[in-house]
Amino acid sequence: AVVSTQSTGEWKLKKETGELDKELEEEERKEREEEEKRRKELQEKGQEGETEDGATDQHTIAPLEVPSQKDVEIELLRKKKMELLVKYASEDLQRTSMNAKTLMGRDLNI
């Protein structure tokens, strides 16, 4: 009870002298400066953009490796070959094919 009475007395004194308002204004100013600093850092990194209405839109762009058309064609052909091999080849032929690829040092996934 003594601590709260003392704190209340300090608070009232600060309020009467205007120190409380100065402290609050100082805290608000520091918060605004920190927010502005964070905003500038984000803009420098290119992670913040403005929408048409002026609101900020924050997003992160992850670097992705986009396969070329040739890479896509090769992958589709590889999958199609595997489907046909599974559909029409016997297990013995599939093992022989895998062994041959292993001996040649190629990827086992055709």
C-alpha atoms as a PDB file:
ATOM      1  CA  ALA A   1       0.000   0.000   0.000  1.00  0.00           C
ATOM      2  CA  VAL A   2       2.923   2.326   0.720  1.00  0.00           C
ATOM      3  CA  VAL A   3       4.390   1.759  -2.739  1.00  0.00           C
ATOM      4  CA  SER A   4       1.103   2.450  -4.521  1.00  0.00           C
ATOM      5  CA  THR A   5       0.493   5.576  -2.444  1.00  0.00           C
ATOM      6  CA  GLN A   6       3.984   6.804  -3.201  1.00  0.00           C
ATOM      7  CA  SER A   7       3.594   5.964  -6.928  1.00  0.00           C
ATOM      8  CA  THR A   8       0.210   7.704  -6.995  1.00  0.00           C
ATOM      9  CA  GLY A   9       1.703  10.760  -5.306  1.00  0.00           C
ATOM     10  CA  GLU A  10       4.562  10.850  -7.850  1.00  0.00           C
ATOM     11  CA  TRP A  11       2.109  10.457 -10.696  1.00  0.00           C
ATOM     12  CA  LYS A  12      -0.079  13.319  -9.421  1.00  0.00           C
ATOM     13  CA  LEU A  13       2.968  15.542  -8.969  1.00  0.00           C
ATOM     14  CA  LYS A  14       4.193  14.792 -12.486  1.00  0.00           C
ATOM     15  CA  LYS A  15       0.734  15.433 -13.897  1.00  0.00           C
ATOM     16  CA  GLU A  16       0.443  18.787 -12.128  1.00  0.00           C
ATOM     17  CA  THR A  17       3.888  19.942 -13.235  1.00  0.00           C
ATOM     18  CA  GLY A  18       3.407  18.749 -16.816  1.00  0.00           C
ATOM     19  CA  GLU A  19       6.238  16.207 -16.615  1.00  0.00           C
ATOM     20  CA  LEU A  20       3.830  13.325 -17.257  1.00  0.00           C
ATOM     21  CA  ASP A  21       2.728  14.863 -20.545  1.00  0.00           C
ATOM     22  CA  LYS A  22       6.359  15.391 -21.552  1.00  0.00           C
ATOM     23  CA  GLU A  23       7.181  11.759 -20.750  1.00  0.00           C
ATOM     24  CA  LEU A  24       4.208  10.502 -22.757  1.00  0.00           C
ATOM     25  CA  GLU A  25       5.089  12.741 -25.691  1.00  0.00           C
ATOM     26  CA  GLU A  26       8.695  11.527 -25.558  1.00  0.00           C
ATOM     27  CA  GLU A  27       7.590   7.872 -25.547  1.00  0.00           C
ATOM     28  CA  GLU A  28       5.237   8.486 -28.482  1.00  0.00           C
ATOM     29  CA  ARG A  29       7.989  10.289 -30.392  1.00  0.00           C
ATOM     30  CA  LYS A  30      10.396   7.388 -29.848  1.00  0.00           C
ATOM     31  CA  GLU A  31       7.774   4.885 -31.007  1.00  0.00           C
ATOM     32  CA  ARG A  32       7.108   6.934 -34.158  1.00  0.00           C
ATOM     33  CA  GLU A  33      10.848   7.162 -34.883  1.00  0.00           C
ATOM     34  CA  GLU A  34      11.274   3.398 -34.436  1.00  0.00           C
ATOM     35  CA  GLU A  35       8.294   2.699 -36.700  1.00  0.00           C
ATOM     36  CA  GLU A  36       9.651   5.068 -39.349  1.00  0.00           C
ATOM     37  CA  LYS A  37      13.065   3.404 -39.103  1.00  0.00           C
ATOM     38  CA  ARG A  38      11.503  -0.066 -39.589  1.00  0.00           C
ATOM     39  CA  ARG A  39       9.484   1.217 -42.541  1.00  0.00           C
ATOM     40  CA  LYS A  40      12.594   2.671 -44.194  1.00  0.00           C
ATOM     41  CA  GLU A  41      14.494  -0.579 -43.686  1.00  0.00           C
ATOM     42  CA  LEU A  42      11.673  -2.535 -45.301  1.00  0.00           C
ATOM     43  CA  GLN A  43      11.525  -0.135 -48.235  1.00  0.00           C
ATOM     44  CA  GLU A  44      15.281  -0.410 -48.730  1.00  0.00           C
ATOM     45  CA  LYS A  45      14.965  -4.178 -48.849  1.00  0.00           C
ATOM     46  CA  GLY A  46      12.112  -3.874 -51.346  1.00  0.00           C
ATOM     47  CA  GLN A  47       9.663  -5.770 -49.162  1.00  0.00           C
ATOM     48  CA  GLU A  48       7.036  -3.080 -48.840  1.00  0.00           C
ATOM     49  CA  GLY A  49       4.972  -1.585 -51.627  1.00  0.00           C
ATOM     50  CA  GLU A  50       2.045   0.774 -51.854  1.00  0.00           C
ATOM     51  CA  THR A  51      -1.346  -0.230 -53.119  1.00  0.00           C
ATOM     52  CA  GLU A  52      -3.538   2.036 -55.236  1.00  0.00           C
ATOM     53  CA  ASP A  53      -5.256   3.562 -52.200  1.00  0.00           C
ATOM     54  CA  GLY A  54      -1.902   4.434 -50.604  1.00  0.00           C
ATOM     55  CA  ALA A  55      -1.984   1.676 -47.990  1.00  0.00           C
ATOM     56  CA  THR A  56       1.186  -0.287 -47.510  1.00  0.00           C
ATOM     57  CA  ASP A  57       1.349  -3.899 -48.602  1.00  0.00           C
ATOM     58  CA  GLN A  58       4.084  -5.970 -46.990  1.00  0.00           C
ATOM     59  CA  HIS A  59       5.180  -9.232 -48.557  1.00  0.00           C
ATOM     60  CA  THR A  60       8.269 -11.332 -48.945  1.00  0.00           C
ATOM     61  CA  ILE A  61       9.409 -12.595 -52.298  1.00  0.00           C
ATOM     62  CA  ALA A  62      11.233 -15.906 -52.115  1.00  0.00           C
ATOM     63  CA  PRO A  63      13.709 -16.624 -54.899  1.00  0.00           C
ATOM     64  CA  LEU A  64      12.516 -19.568 -56.980  1.00  0.00           C
ATOM     65  CA  GLU A  65      14.308 -21.348 -59.742  1.00  0.00           C
ATOM     66  CA  VAL A  66      11.904 -21.603 -62.654  1.00  0.00           C
ATOM     67  CA  PRO A  67      12.601 -24.573 -64.917  1.00  0.00           C
ATOM     68  CA  SER A  68      13.143 -23.882 -68.581  1.00  0.00           C
ATOM     69  CA  GLN A  69      10.821 -25.230 -71.258  1.00  0.00           C
ATOM     70  CA  LYS A  70      13.436 -27.829 -72.152  1.00  0.00           C
ATOM     71  CA  ASP A  71      13.702 -28.981 -68.515  1.00  0.00           C
ATOM     72  CA  VAL A  72       9.932 -29.390 -68.359  1.00  0.00           C
ATOM     73  CA  GLU A  73       9.895 -31.378 -71.612  1.00  0.00           C
ATOM     74  CA  ILE A  74      12.693 -33.661 -70.362  1.00  0.00           C
ATOM     75  CA  GLU A  75      10.872 -34.305 -67.093  1.00  0.00           C
ATOM     76  CA  LEU A  76       7.578 -35.052 -68.875  1.00  0.00           C
ATOM     77  CA  LEU A  77       9.337 -37.434 -71.244  1.00  0.00           C
ATOM     78  CA  ARG A  78      11.083 -39.176 -68.328  1.00  0.00           C
ATOM     79  CA  LYS A  79       7.763 -39.657 -66.509  1.00  0.00           C
ATOM     80  CA  LYS A  80       6.044 -40.946 -69.658  1.00  0.00           C
ATOM     81  CA  LYS A  81       8.867 -43.443 -70.272  1.00  0.00           C
ATOM     82  CA  MET A  82       8.589 -44.672 -66.697  1.00  0.00           C
ATOM     83  CA  GLU A  83       4.801 -45.107 -67.024  1.00  0.00           C
ATOM     84  CA  LEU A  84       5.212 -47.097 -70.245  1.00  0.00           C
ATOM     85  CA  LEU A  85       8.010 -49.202 -68.754  1.00  0.00           C
ATOM     86  CA  VAL A  86       5.860 -50.068 -65.732  1.00  0.00           C
ATOM     87  CA  LYS A  87       2.822 -50.758 -67.895  1.00  0.00           C
ATOM     88  CA  TYR A  88       4.411 -52.931 -70.613  1.00  0.00           C
ATOM     89  CA  ALA A  89       7.744 -54.273 -69.372  1.00  0.00           C
ATOM     90  CA  SER A  90       8.157 -57.338 -67.234  1.00  0.00           C
ATOM     91  CA  GLU A  91       9.795 -57.114 -63.808  1.00  0.00           C
ATOM     92  CA  ASP A  92      12.848 -58.915 -65.139  1.00  0.00           C
ATOM     93  CA  LEU A  93      13.266 -56.368 -67.947  1.00  0.00           C
ATOM     94  CA  GLN A  94      12.823 -53.516 -65.487  1.00  0.00           C
ATOM     95  CA  ARG A  95      15.564 -54.939 -63.221  1.00  0.00           C
ATOM     96  CA  THR A  96      17.865 -55.390 -66.199  1.00  0.00           C
ATOM     97  CA  SER A  97      17.200 -51.812 -67.282  1.00  0.00           C
ATOM     98  CA  MET A  98      17.924 -50.498 -63.783  1.00  0.00           C
ATOM     99  CA  ASN A  99      21.114 -52.546 -63.537  1.00  0.00           C
ATOM    100  CA  ALA A 100      22.298 -51.239 -66.887  1.00  0.00           C
ATOM    101  CA  LYS A 101      21.644 -47.649 -65.861  1.00  0.00           C
ATOM    102  CA  THR A 102      23.448 -48.200 -62.552  1.00  0.00           C
ATOM    103  CA  LEU A 103      26.468 -49.660 -64.354  1.00  0.00           C
ATOM    104  CA  MET A 104      26.469 -46.691 -66.743  1.00  0.00           C
ATOM    105  CA  GLY A 105      26.360 -44.290 -63.789  1.00  0.00           C
ATOM    106  CA  ARG A 106      23.029 -42.744 -64.662  1.00  0.00           C
ATOM    107  CA  ASP A 107      20.247 -41.678 -62.336  1.00  0.00           C
ATOM    108  CA  LEU A 108      18.067 -44.602 -61.265  1.00  0.00           C
ATOM    109  CA  ASN A 109      14.885 -42.630 -61.915  1.00  0.00           C
ATOM    110  CA  ILE A 110      15.250 -42.909 -65.713  1.00  0.00           C
END
